Amino acid sequence: MSMRGIFGFIGLSLGGWVGWWLGAFVGITTAVVLSSIFSGIGLWGARWIGKEYLE
């Protein structure tokens, strides 16, 4: 597995956690939706960082 992949996995996990934490204040459905959205944002951001700083 490449470093970009590892960064992507970490960003995906952290983004999902943040989205779940924020959405849990409203309800379970909001937590699921925000977790999905923030997972995508975390994946994109982490892979961008990996591309910019590791290549």
PDB file of N, CA and C in Angstrom:
ATOM      1  N   MET A   1       0.848  -1.175   0.000  1.00  0.00           N
ATOM      2  CA  MET A   1       0.000   0.000   0.000  1.00  0.00           C
ATOM      3  C   MET A   1       0.902   1.249   0.000  1.00  0.00           C
ATOM      4  N   SER A   2       0.554   2.192  -0.816  1.00  0.00           N
ATOM      5  CA  SER A   2       1.349   3.416  -0.922  1.00  0.00           C
ATOM      6  C   SER A   2       1.026   4.373   0.234  1.00  0.00           C
ATOM      7  N   MET A   3       1.887   5.353   0.385  1.00  0.00           N
ATOM      8  CA  MET A   3       1.651   6.353   1.433  1.00  0.00           C
ATOM      9  C   MET A   3       0.390   7.163   1.151  1.00  0.00           C
ATOM     10  N   ARG A   4       0.110   7.416  -0.128  1.00  0.00           N
ATOM     11  CA  ARG A   4      -1.131   8.131  -0.456  1.00  0.00           C
ATOM     12  C   ARG A   4      -2.342   7.335   0.000  1.00  0.00           C
ATOM     13  N   GLY A   5      -2.262   6.013  -0.152  1.00  0.00           N
ATOM     14  CA  GLY A   5      -3.365   5.161   0.286  1.00  0.00           C
ATOM     15  C   GLY A   5      -3.535   5.175   1.789  1.00  0.00           C
ATOM     16  N   ILE A   6      -2.417   5.170   2.500  1.00  0.00           N
ATOM     17  CA  ILE A   6      -2.483   5.223   3.957  1.00  0.00           C
ATOM     18  C   ILE A   6      -3.046   6.565   4.413  1.00  0.00           C
ATOM     19  N   PHE A   7      -2.576   7.654   3.793  1.00  0.00           N
ATOM     20  CA  PHE A   7      -3.129   8.976   4.114  1.00  0.00           C
ATOM     21  C   PHE A   7      -4.624   9.017   3.805  1.00  0.00           C
ATOM     22  N   GLY A   8      -5.021   8.422   2.691  1.00  0.00           N
ATOM     23  CA  GLY A   8      -6.439   8.385   2.335  1.00  0.00           C
ATOM     24  C   GLY A   8      -7.271   7.657   3.370  1.00  0.00           C
ATOM     25  N   PHE A   9      -6.760   6.524   3.844  1.00  0.00           N
ATOM     26  CA  PHE A   9      -7.472   5.750   4.857  1.00  0.00           C
ATOM     27  C   PHE A   9      -7.603   6.542   6.158  1.00  0.00           C
ATOM     28  N   ILE A  10      -6.533   7.201   6.562  1.00  0.00           N
ATOM     29  CA  ILE A  10      -6.565   7.995   7.793  1.00  0.00           C
ATOM     30  C   ILE A  10      -7.537   9.171   7.643  1.00  0.00           C
ATOM     31  N   GLY A  11      -7.472   9.862   6.495  1.00  0.00           N
ATOM     32  CA  GLY A  11      -8.388  10.976   6.258  1.00  0.00           C
ATOM     33  C   GLY A  11      -9.840  10.532   6.215  1.00  0.00           C
ATOM     34  N   LEU A  12     -10.076   9.377   5.608  1.00  0.00           N
ATOM     35  CA  LEU A  12     -11.423   8.819   5.540  1.00  0.00           C
ATOM     36  C   LEU A  12     -11.951   8.527   6.937  1.00  0.00           C
ATOM     37  N   SER A  13     -11.127   7.921   7.760  1.00  0.00           N
ATOM     38  CA  SER A  13     -11.540   7.574   9.121  1.00  0.00           C
ATOM     39  C   SER A  13     -11.784   8.808   9.979  1.00  0.00           C
ATOM     40  N   LEU A  14     -10.856   9.751   9.924  1.00  0.00           N
ATOM     41  CA  LEU A  14     -11.019  10.968  10.731  1.00  0.00           C
ATOM     42  C   LEU A  14     -12.208  11.794  10.259  1.00  0.00           C
ATOM     43  N   GLY A  15     -12.370  11.910   8.960  1.00  0.00           N
ATOM     44  CA  GLY A  15     -13.509  12.656   8.424  1.00  0.00           C
ATOM     45  C   GLY A  15     -14.835  12.034   8.834  1.00  0.00           C
ATOM     46  N   GLY A  16     -14.919  10.708   8.767  1.00  0.00           N
ATOM     47  CA  GLY A  16     -16.140  10.019   9.186  1.00  0.00           C
ATOM     48  C   GLY A  16     -16.434  10.212  10.656  1.00  0.00           C
ATOM     49  N   TRP A  17     -15.376  10.185  11.466  1.00  0.00           N
ATOM     50  CA  TRP A  17     -15.550  10.381  12.905  1.00  0.00           C
ATOM     51  C   TRP A  17     -16.068  11.790  13.205  1.00  0.00           C
ATOM     52  N   VAL A  18     -15.481  12.793  12.550  1.00  0.00           N
ATOM     53  CA  VAL A  18     -15.914  14.180  12.781  1.00  0.00           C
ATOM     54  C   VAL A  18     -17.365  14.363  12.339  1.00  0.00           C
ATOM     55  N   GLY A  19     -17.712  13.823  11.175  1.00  0.00           N
ATOM     56  CA  GLY A  19     -19.091  13.935  10.694  1.00  0.00           C
ATOM     57  C   GLY A  19     -20.075  13.248  11.622  1.00  0.00           C
ATOM     58  N   TRP A  20     -19.706  12.081  12.127  1.00  0.00           N
ATOM     59  CA  TRP A  20     -20.588  11.363  13.058  1.00  0.00           C
ATOM     60  C   TRP A  20     -20.750  12.158  14.343  1.00  0.00           C
ATOM     61  N   TRP A  21     -19.647  12.693  14.847  1.00  0.00           N
ATOM     62  CA  TRP A  21     -19.689  13.461  16.096  1.00  0.00           C
ATOM     63  C   TRP A  21     -20.600  14.682  15.943  1.00  0.00           C
ATOM     64  N   LEU A  22     -20.460  15.397  14.830  1.00  0.00           N
ATOM     65  CA  LEU A  22     -21.299  16.578  14.604  1.00  0.00           C
ATOM     66  C   LEU A  22     -22.765  16.196  14.419  1.00  0.00           C
ATOM     67  N   GLY A  23     -23.025  15.155  13.655  1.00  0.00           N
ATOM     68  CA  GLY A  23     -24.401  14.762  13.373  1.00  0.00           C
ATOM     69  C   GLY A  23     -25.107  14.122  14.544  1.00  0.00           C
ATOM     70  N   ALA A  24     -24.366  13.545  15.469  1.00  0.00           N
ATOM     71  CA  ALA A  24     -24.980  12.860  16.611  1.00  0.00           C
ATOM     72  C   ALA A  24     -25.743  13.819  17.525  1.00  0.00           C
ATOM     73  N   PHE A  25     -25.417  15.101  17.448  1.00  0.00           N
ATOM     74  CA  PHE A  25     -26.153  16.078  18.255  1.00  0.00           C
ATOM     75  C   PHE A  25     -27.595  16.228  17.771  1.00  0.00           C
ATOM     76  N   VAL A  26     -27.826  15.927  16.488  1.00  0.00           N
ATOM     77  CA  VAL A  26     -29.166  16.088  15.913  1.00  0.00           C
ATOM     78  C   VAL A  26     -29.931  14.768  15.932  1.00  0.00           C
ATOM     79  N   GLY A  27     -29.294  13.698  15.442  1.00  0.00           N
ATOM     80  CA  GLY A  27     -29.956  12.399  15.395  1.00  0.00           C
ATOM     81  C   GLY A  27     -29.137  11.409  14.601  1.00  0.00           C
ATOM     82  N   ILE A  28     -29.594  10.174  14.584  1.00  0.00           N
ATOM     83  CA  ILE A  28     -28.841   9.099  13.950  1.00  0.00           C
ATOM     84  C   ILE A  28     -28.771   9.262  12.426  1.00  0.00           C
ATOM     85  N   THR A  29     -29.844   9.677  11.804  1.00  0.00           N
ATOM     86  CA  THR A  29     -29.851   9.852  10.353  1.00  0.00           C
ATOM     87  C   THR A  29     -28.909  10.972   9.943  1.00  0.00           C
ATOM     88  N   THR A  30     -28.932  12.045  10.655  1.00  0.00           N
ATOM     89  CA  THR A  30     -28.018  13.159  10.383  1.00  0.00           C
ATOM     90  C   THR A  30     -26.575  12.720  10.588  1.00  0.00           C
ATOM     91  N   ALA A  31     -26.331  11.906  11.601  1.00  0.00           N
ATOM     92  CA  ALA A  31     -24.978  11.410  11.855  1.00  0.00           C
ATOM     93  C   ALA A  31     -24.484  10.561  10.687  1.00  0.00           C
ATOM     94  N   VAL A  32     -25.337   9.715  10.146  1.00  0.00           N
ATOM     95  CA  VAL A  32     -24.943   8.866   9.014  1.00  0.00           C
ATOM     96  C   VAL A  32     -24.644   9.715   7.787  1.00  0.00           C
ATOM     97  N   VAL A  33     -25.501  10.669   7.497  1.00  0.00           N
ATOM     98  CA  VAL A  33     -25.317  11.517   6.316  1.00  0.00           C
ATOM     99  C   VAL A  33     -24.058  12.368   6.446  1.00  0.00           C
ATOM    100  N   LEU A  34     -23.886  13.027   7.581  1.00  0.00           N
ATOM    101  CA  LEU A  34     -22.696  13.862   7.774  1.00  0.00           C
ATOM    102  C   LEU A  34     -21.424  13.027   7.804  1.00  0.00           C
ATOM    103  N   SER A  35     -21.500  11.827   8.341  1.00  0.00           N
ATOM    104  CA  SER A  35     -20.335  10.944   8.349  1.00  0.00           C
ATOM    105  C   SER A  35     -19.915  10.609   6.920  1.00  0.00           C
ATOM    106  N   SER A  36     -20.866  10.348   6.051  1.00  0.00           N
ATOM    107  CA  SER A  36     -20.555  10.063   4.652  1.00  0.00           C
ATOM    108  C   SER A  36     -19.931  11.267   3.957  1.00  0.00           C
ATOM    109  N   ILE A  37     -20.508  12.423   4.176  1.00  0.00           N
ATOM    110  CA  ILE A  37     -20.001  13.641   3.541  1.00  0.00           C
ATOM    111  C   ILE A  37     -18.595  13.964   4.029  1.00  0.00           C
ATOM    112  N   PHE A  38     -18.405  13.930   5.337  1.00  0.00           N
ATOM    113  CA  PHE A  38     -17.095  14.260   5.893  1.00  0.00           C
ATOM    114  C   PHE A  38     -16.054  13.194   5.579  1.00  0.00           C
ATOM    115  N   SER A  39     -16.479  11.940   5.389  1.00  0.00           N
ATOM    116  CA  SER A  39     -15.541  10.901   4.961  1.00  0.00           C
ATOM    117  C   SER A  39     -14.984  11.236   3.579  1.00  0.00           C
ATOM    118  N   GLY A  40     -15.849  11.666   2.684  1.00  0.00           N
ATOM    119  CA  GLY A  40     -15.398  12.060   1.349  1.00  0.00           C
ATOM    120  C   GLY A  40     -14.469  13.252   1.386  1.00  0.00           C
ATOM    121  N   ILE A  41     -14.807  14.230   2.204  1.00  0.00           N
ATOM    122  CA  ILE A  41     -13.949  15.417   2.340  1.00  0.00           C
ATOM    123  C   ILE A  41     -12.600  15.031   2.936  1.00  0.00           C
ATOM    124  N   GLY A  42     -12.616  14.178   3.952  1.00  0.00           N
ATOM    125  CA  GLY A  42     -11.370  13.728   4.563  1.00  0.00           C
ATOM    126  C   GLY A  42     -10.505  12.940   3.607  1.00  0.00           C
ATOM    127  N   LEU A  43     -11.132  12.077   2.801  1.00  0.00           N
ATOM    128  CA  LEU A  43     -10.387  11.307   1.803  1.00  0.00           C
ATOM    129  C   LEU A  43      -9.758  12.223   0.777  1.00  0.00           C
ATOM    130  N   TRP A  44     -10.529  13.169   0.265  1.00  0.00           N
ATOM    131  CA  TRP A  44     -10.002  14.109  -0.731  1.00  0.00           C
ATOM    132  C   TRP A  44      -8.845  14.922  -0.158  1.00  0.00           C
ATOM    133  N   GLY A  45      -9.025  15.456   1.045  1.00  0.00           N
ATOM    134  CA  GLY A  45      -7.990  16.280   1.657  1.00  0.00           C
ATOM    135  C   GLY A  45      -6.718  15.505   1.948  1.00  0.00           C
ATOM    136  N   ALA A  46      -6.864  14.307   2.456  1.00  0.00           N
ATOM    137  CA  ALA A  46      -5.686  13.507   2.793  1.00  0.00           C
ATOM    138  C   ALA A  46      -4.931  13.081   1.536  1.00  0.00           C
ATOM    139  N   ARG A  47      -5.658  12.707   0.490  1.00  0.00           N
ATOM    140  CA  ARG A  47      -4.975  12.317  -0.755  1.00  0.00           C
ATOM    141  C   ARG A  47      -4.318  13.521  -1.404  1.00  0.00           C
ATOM    142  N   TRP A  48      -4.924  14.707  -1.279  1.00  0.00           N
ATOM    143  CA  TRP A  48      -4.314  15.923  -1.812  1.00  0.00           C
ATOM    144  C   TRP A  48      -3.014  16.228  -1.072  1.00  0.00           C
ATOM    145  N   ILE A  49      -3.047  16.109   0.247  1.00  0.00           N
ATOM    146  CA  ILE A  49      -1.837  16.333   1.032  1.00  0.00           C
ATOM    147  C   ILE A  49      -0.758  15.321   0.630  1.00  0.00           C
ATOM    148  N   GLY A  50      -1.146  14.073   0.483  1.00  0.00           N
ATOM    149  CA  GLY A  50      -0.186  13.060   0.055  1.00  0.00           C
ATOM    150  C   GLY A  50       0.401  13.347  -1.308  1.00  0.00           C
ATOM    151  N   LYS A  51      -0.417  13.846  -2.212  1.00  0.00           N
ATOM    152  CA  LYS A  51       0.062  14.181  -3.556  1.00  0.00           C
ATOM    153  C   LYS A  51       1.004  15.377  -3.526  1.00  0.00           C
ATOM    154  N   GLU A  52       0.650  16.392  -2.775  1.00  0.00           N
ATOM    155  CA  GLU A  52       1.443  17.620  -2.744  1.00  0.00           C
ATOM    156  C   GLU A  52       2.770  17.476  -2.005  1.00  0.00           C
ATOM    157  N   TYR A  53       2.768  16.706  -0.936  1.00  0.00           N
ATOM    158  CA  TYR A  53       3.935  16.689  -0.064  1.00  0.00           C
ATOM    159  C   TYR A  53       4.756  15.409  -0.131  1.00  0.00           C
ATOM    160  N   LEU A  54       4.210  14.347  -0.712  1.00  0.00           N
ATOM    161  CA  LEU A  54       4.950  13.092  -0.734  1.00  0.00           C
ATOM    162  C   LEU A  54       5.489  12.725  -2.104  1.00  0.00           C
ATOM    163  N   GLU A  55       5.031  13.372  -3.135  1.00  0.00           N
ATOM    164  CA  GLU A  55       5.524  13.038  -4.476  1.00  0.00           C
ATOM    165  C   GLU A  55       6.613  13.982  -4.925  1.00  0.00           C
TER     166      GLU A  55
END
